[in-house]
Amino acid sequence: MRVRDWELVGAPNARDLGGLVGADGRRVRAGQLIRTPALGRLTDEDLPVLAKLAPACVVDLRYAAEIAEAPPDRLPGEPRVAHLPVHDPAHPVFTYVSALLLGHDLDAYGGLAEQGTPAAMAAIYRWFVTGESARRGFAAALRLAADPANLPLVFHCSAGKDRTGWLAVVLLTVLGVDEAAIREDYLRHNELTVSLREVLLEAMRRRRPGLDADAVRPVLEVRPEYLDAAYDEVTRVHGSFGVYLRDGLGATDELVSAVRANLLE
């Protein structure tokens, strides 16, 4: 059973990465690698659907304050939950984006506000490659995928698009999936969340009359230039994605082989 074949009302951009073609023409196993947003808004009807997947491990990339402010994840069974926070409270872009979403005064972020939200999002994606907690979290998630006891593996952040999106890029690249197919999966977030984005924007407008929707939309979407920023940073710092996996995330040949053995048909 594949997430692509059913719908989670409370997690509309949830999807199974199974079926994508990886190394040596072998496909990613269905029902083993699932990306989602935070699962606190699953409906009662969603729970038996997710229960059929029977996740063994859930990777949560959120930091403590995000988890505390959100509804608790609704998880069927008793999967292992690995909290691997990918966040830097001292990074000005993180605080800028948070202030923007919460409707706070942006005067303290003059330089970032002048650059615009898309530039701020691109900066976050570059940080995914070099940030200490980012490298630590993504590396730990990769190691979890190398252990069959953690499969099926569900991974998420809050919206299931940026941190979750980059972890999906890492995992799929390790599995040998073509970059074009990886990009296609990454960009699917936008088509799957059209209605949700409008609901969120309307809620923000009610909370803050006069809200500049054009400033907020880039935070609610994924865009090719965000992913390009991360790929460019990989090339700038490491020269190639393979070296980034090895030197940035500690992915040895043995680890890569284990992940492929677990997740490719």
Protein backbone atom coordinates (compact mmCIF):
# COMPACT_ATOMS: atom_id res chain seq x y z
CA MET A 1 0.00 0.00 0.00
CA ARG A 2 1.46 3.32 -1.05
CA VAL A 3 0.74 6.78 0.31
CA ARG A 4 0.48 7.97 -3.27
CA ASP A 5 -2.64 5.83 -3.57
CA TRP A 6 -4.50 7.27 -0.62
CA GLU A 7 -5.04 10.60 1.07
CA LEU A 8 -4.36 11.83 4.57
CA VAL A 9 -6.76 14.71 5.14
CA GLY A 10 -4.64 16.12 7.93
CA ALA A 11 -1.38 15.75 5.99
CA PRO A 12 -2.19 16.53 2.35
CA ASN A 13 1.43 16.53 1.14
CA ALA A 14 2.29 13.14 2.68
CA ARG A 15 3.70 10.76 0.11
CA ASP A 16 5.49 7.50 -0.37
CA LEU A 17 8.84 7.73 -2.15
CA GLY A 18 8.40 4.16 -3.30
CA GLY A 19 8.45 3.47 -7.01
CA LEU A 20 11.12 5.99 -7.96
CA VAL A 21 13.89 4.45 -10.02
CA GLY A 22 17.24 4.28 -8.25
CA ALA A 23 20.65 2.67 -8.73
CA ASP A 24 20.96 -0.05 -11.38
CA GLY A 25 17.33 0.49 -12.39
CA ARG A 26 16.07 -0.84 -9.06
CA ARG A 27 13.02 0.92 -7.66
CA VAL A 28 12.61 2.35 -4.19
CA ARG A 29 10.55 -0.11 -2.15
CA ALA A 30 6.93 0.93 -1.69
CA GLY A 31 5.70 1.71 1.80
CA GLN A 32 9.15 1.98 3.35
CA LEU A 33 10.14 5.65 3.03
CA ILE A 34 7.38 8.17 3.74
CA ARG A 35 7.69 11.96 3.90
CA THR A 36 4.98 13.93 5.69
CA PRO A 37 4.29 17.20 7.48
CA ALA A 38 3.87 17.12 11.26
CA LEU A 39 1.19 14.59 12.13
CA GLY A 40 -0.68 16.41 14.89
CA ARG A 41 -3.58 17.35 12.61
CA LEU A 42 -4.40 13.87 11.36
CA THR A 43 -8.13 13.13 11.52
CA ASP A 44 -9.64 10.08 13.16
CA GLU A 45 -10.18 8.70 9.66
CA ASP A 46 -6.49 9.18 8.84
CA LEU A 47 -5.26 7.01 11.70
CA PRO A 48 -6.30 3.58 10.35
CA VAL A 49 -4.86 4.55 6.98
CA LEU A 50 -1.48 5.31 8.53
CA ALA A 51 -1.78 2.23 10.76
CA LYS A 52 -1.78 0.01 7.66
CA LEU A 53 1.67 1.39 6.88
CA ALA A 54 2.80 0.39 10.41
CA PRO A 55 5.74 2.81 10.71
CA ALA A 56 8.59 1.45 12.80
CA CYS A 57 10.38 4.79 13.21
CA VAL A 58 9.33 8.43 12.91
CA VAL A 59 12.03 11.07 12.41
CA ASP A 60 10.96 14.49 13.69
CA LEU A 61 13.19 17.33 12.44
CA ARG A 62 11.48 20.04 14.49
CA TYR A 63 13.11 21.82 17.42
CA ALA A 64 11.63 21.74 20.92
CA ALA A 65 9.65 25.00 20.72
CA GLU A 66 7.99 23.92 17.47
CA ILE A 67 6.93 20.64 19.02
CA ALA A 68 5.65 22.34 22.17
CA GLU A 69 3.50 24.82 20.23
CA ALA A 70 1.96 22.25 17.86
CA PRO A 71 -0.61 19.53 18.45
CA PRO A 72 1.12 16.26 19.43
CA ASP A 73 1.77 13.87 16.56
CA ARG A 74 -1.00 11.28 16.24
CA LEU A 75 0.81 8.03 15.64
CA PRO A 76 -0.72 4.56 15.34
CA GLY A 77 1.04 1.80 17.24
CA GLU A 78 4.23 2.54 19.13
CA PRO A 79 6.88 3.53 16.59
CA ARG A 80 10.27 4.69 17.72
CA VAL A 81 10.37 8.51 17.57
CA ALA A 82 13.76 10.07 16.81
CA HIS A 83 13.91 13.81 17.52
CA LEU A 84 16.65 15.22 15.30
CA PRO A 85 16.21 19.01 15.47
CA VAL A 86 17.44 20.89 12.42
CA HIS A 87 17.41 24.49 13.61
CA ASP A 88 19.72 27.31 14.60
CA PRO A 89 18.08 29.85 16.94
CA ALA A 90 20.98 32.23 16.35
CA HIS A 91 20.59 32.21 12.57
CA PRO A 92 18.92 35.51 11.58
CA VAL A 93 17.01 33.94 8.70
CA PHE A 94 15.23 31.49 11.00
CA THR A 95 14.11 34.28 13.30
CA TYR A 96 13.12 36.46 10.32
CA VAL A 97 10.91 33.76 8.80
CA SER A 98 9.35 33.03 12.19
CA ALA A 99 8.63 36.73 12.74
CA LEU A 100 7.08 36.97 9.28
CA LEU A 101 4.77 33.99 9.84
CA LEU A 102 3.75 35.23 13.29
CA GLY A 103 3.00 38.73 12.03
CA HIS A 104 5.67 40.42 14.16
CA ASP A 105 7.33 43.74 13.43
CA LEU A 106 10.11 43.24 10.86
CA ASP A 107 11.98 46.48 11.59
CA ALA A 108 14.77 44.54 13.28
CA TYR A 109 15.33 42.57 10.08
CA GLY A 110 15.84 45.49 7.72
CA GLY A 111 18.54 43.86 5.61
CA LEU A 112 16.73 40.56 5.24
CA ALA A 113 13.40 42.24 4.58
CA GLU A 114 15.04 44.32 1.87
CA GLN A 115 16.46 41.18 0.22
CA GLY A 116 13.00 39.64 0.25
CA THR A 117 11.59 36.38 1.53
CA PRO A 118 12.75 34.23 -1.43
CA ALA A 119 16.34 35.26 -0.71
CA ALA A 120 15.84 34.40 2.96
CA MET A 121 14.51 30.97 2.02
CA ALA A 122 17.49 30.36 -0.26
CA ALA A 123 19.77 31.24 2.65
CA ILE A 124 18.08 28.60 4.80
CA TYR A 125 18.64 25.99 2.10
CA ARG A 126 22.33 26.87 1.93
CA TRP A 127 22.44 26.47 5.70
CA PHE A 128 20.97 22.97 5.35
CA VAL A 129 24.28 22.00 3.74
CA THR A 130 26.68 23.65 6.17
CA GLY A 131 24.84 24.21 9.45
CA GLU A 132 26.06 22.07 12.33
CA SER A 133 22.65 20.88 13.53
CA ALA A 134 21.55 20.36 9.93
CA ARG A 135 24.49 18.09 9.14
CA ARG A 136 24.06 16.27 12.44
CA GLY A 137 20.31 15.73 11.98
CA PHE A 138 20.43 14.66 8.34
CA ALA A 139 23.37 12.35 9.03
CA ALA A 140 21.53 10.69 11.92
CA ALA A 141 18.42 10.19 9.80
CA LEU A 142 20.52 8.57 7.09
CA ARG A 143 21.98 6.16 9.63
CA LEU A 144 18.47 5.25 10.78
CA ALA A 145 17.52 4.37 7.20
CA ALA A 146 20.48 1.98 7.09
CA ASP A 147 18.93 -0.18 9.83
CA PRO A 148 16.04 -2.41 8.66
CA ALA A 149 14.60 -2.30 12.19
CA ASN A 150 13.60 1.33 11.48
CA LEU A 151 11.54 0.55 8.39
CA PRO A 152 9.01 1.69 7.39
CA LEU A 153 10.52 5.09 8.14
CA VAL A 154 8.38 8.24 8.31
CA PHE A 155 10.14 11.61 8.39
CA HIS A 156 8.77 15.10 8.86
CA CYS A 157 9.34 18.66 10.08
CA SER A 158 6.46 21.14 10.52
CA ALA A 159 5.19 21.79 6.99
CA GLY A 160 6.94 18.79 5.43
CA LYS A 161 8.55 20.80 2.66
CA ASP A 162 11.96 22.35 3.48
CA ARG A 163 13.86 20.29 6.06
CA THR A 164 11.81 17.28 5.03
CA GLY A 165 12.43 18.16 1.40
CA TRP A 166 16.20 18.30 1.80
CA LEU A 167 16.28 15.03 3.75
CA ALA A 168 14.30 13.47 0.89
CA VAL A 169 16.94 14.82 -1.53
CA VAL A 170 19.70 13.24 0.57
CA LEU A 171 17.99 9.86 0.87
CA LEU A 172 16.98 9.67 -2.77
CA THR A 173 20.44 10.71 -3.94
CA VAL A 174 21.97 7.96 -1.80
CA LEU A 175 19.52 5.56 -3.45
CA GLY A 176 20.71 6.67 -6.89
CA VAL A 177 17.49 8.38 -7.98
CA ASP A 178 17.90 10.77 -10.91
CA GLU A 179 18.03 14.47 -10.00
CA ALA A 180 15.10 15.28 -12.31
CA ALA A 181 12.88 12.80 -10.46
CA ILE A 182 14.07 14.19 -7.12
CA ARG A 183 13.14 17.70 -8.22
CA GLU A 184 9.73 16.53 -9.39
CA ASP A 185 8.98 15.02 -6.00
CA TYR A 186 10.24 18.14 -4.23
CA LEU A 187 8.00 20.45 -6.25
CA ARG A 188 4.90 18.26 -5.76
CA HIS A 189 4.37 20.03 -2.44
CA ASN A 190 2.90 23.03 -4.25
CA GLU A 191 0.23 21.11 -6.15
CA LEU A 192 -0.72 19.08 -3.08
CA THR A 193 -1.20 22.11 -0.81
CA VAL A 194 -2.95 24.72 -2.96
CA SER A 195 -6.07 24.84 -0.78
CA LEU A 196 -4.11 24.62 2.45
CA ARG A 197 -1.93 27.61 1.53
CA GLU A 198 -4.99 29.78 0.91
CA VAL A 199 -6.49 28.74 4.25
CA LEU A 200 -3.24 29.64 6.02
CA LEU A 201 -3.01 33.00 4.27
CA GLU A 202 -6.60 33.85 5.17
CA ALA A 203 -5.95 32.96 8.82
CA MET A 204 -2.88 35.22 8.79
CA ARG A 205 -4.86 38.08 7.24
CA ARG A 206 -7.47 37.84 10.00
CA ARG A 207 -4.74 37.90 12.62
CA ARG A 208 -2.87 40.74 10.96
CA PRO A 209 -4.96 43.00 8.69
CA GLY A 210 -2.88 44.48 5.89
CA LEU A 211 -0.65 41.42 5.68
CA ASP A 212 1.54 41.42 2.58
CA ALA A 213 0.62 38.07 1.05
CA ASP A 214 3.41 38.38 -1.51
CA ALA A 215 5.93 38.38 1.36
CA VAL A 216 4.41 35.29 2.96
CA ARG A 217 3.76 33.06 -0.05
CA PRO A 218 7.45 32.22 -0.59
CA VAL A 219 7.55 30.70 2.90
CA LEU A 220 4.51 28.51 2.21
CA GLU A 221 5.78 27.25 -1.15
CA VAL A 222 8.74 25.35 -2.45
CA ARG A 223 10.57 26.84 -5.42
CA PRO A 224 13.25 25.55 -7.78
CA GLU A 225 15.60 28.33 -6.74
CA TYR A 226 15.52 27.14 -3.12
CA LEU A 227 16.69 23.70 -4.14
CA ASP A 228 19.22 25.25 -6.52
CA ALA A 229 20.68 27.23 -3.60
CA ALA A 230 21.31 24.02 -1.65
CA TYR A 231 22.79 22.21 -4.65
CA ASP A 232 25.02 25.21 -5.39
CA GLU A 233 26.21 25.22 -1.78
CA VAL A 234 27.04 21.53 -2.02
CA THR A 235 29.17 22.25 -5.09
CA ARG A 236 30.78 25.34 -3.54
CA VAL A 237 31.76 23.64 -0.29
CA HIS A 238 32.31 20.02 -1.31
CA GLY A 239 32.67 19.96 -5.09
CA SER A 240 30.12 17.18 -5.58
CA PHE A 241 27.15 15.58 -3.86
CA GLY A 242 29.11 12.40 -3.28
CA VAL A 243 31.78 14.27 -1.33
CA TYR A 244 29.06 16.11 0.64
CA LEU A 245 27.57 12.76 1.62
CA ARG A 246 30.97 11.43 2.64
CA ASP A 247 32.56 14.46 4.31
CA GLY A 248 29.51 16.48 5.32
CA LEU A 249 27.27 13.66 6.51
CA GLY A 250 29.73 10.86 7.17
CA ALA A 251 28.10 8.50 4.68
CA THR A 252 30.62 5.71 4.16
CA ASP A 253 30.44 3.26 1.27
CA GLU A 254 29.16 0.67 3.76
CA LEU A 255 26.37 3.00 4.90
CA VAL A 256 25.31 3.74 1.32
CA SER A 257 25.28 0.02 0.54
CA ALA A 258 23.15 -0.70 3.61
CA VAL A 259 20.59 2.00 2.72
CA ARG A 260 20.35 0.66 -0.84
CA ALA A 261 20.01 -2.92 0.37
CA ASN A 262 17.13 -1.91 2.65
CA LEU A 263 15.26 0.41 0.34
CA LEU A 264 15.79 -0.73 -3.25
CA GLU A 265 13.89 -3.66 -4.74
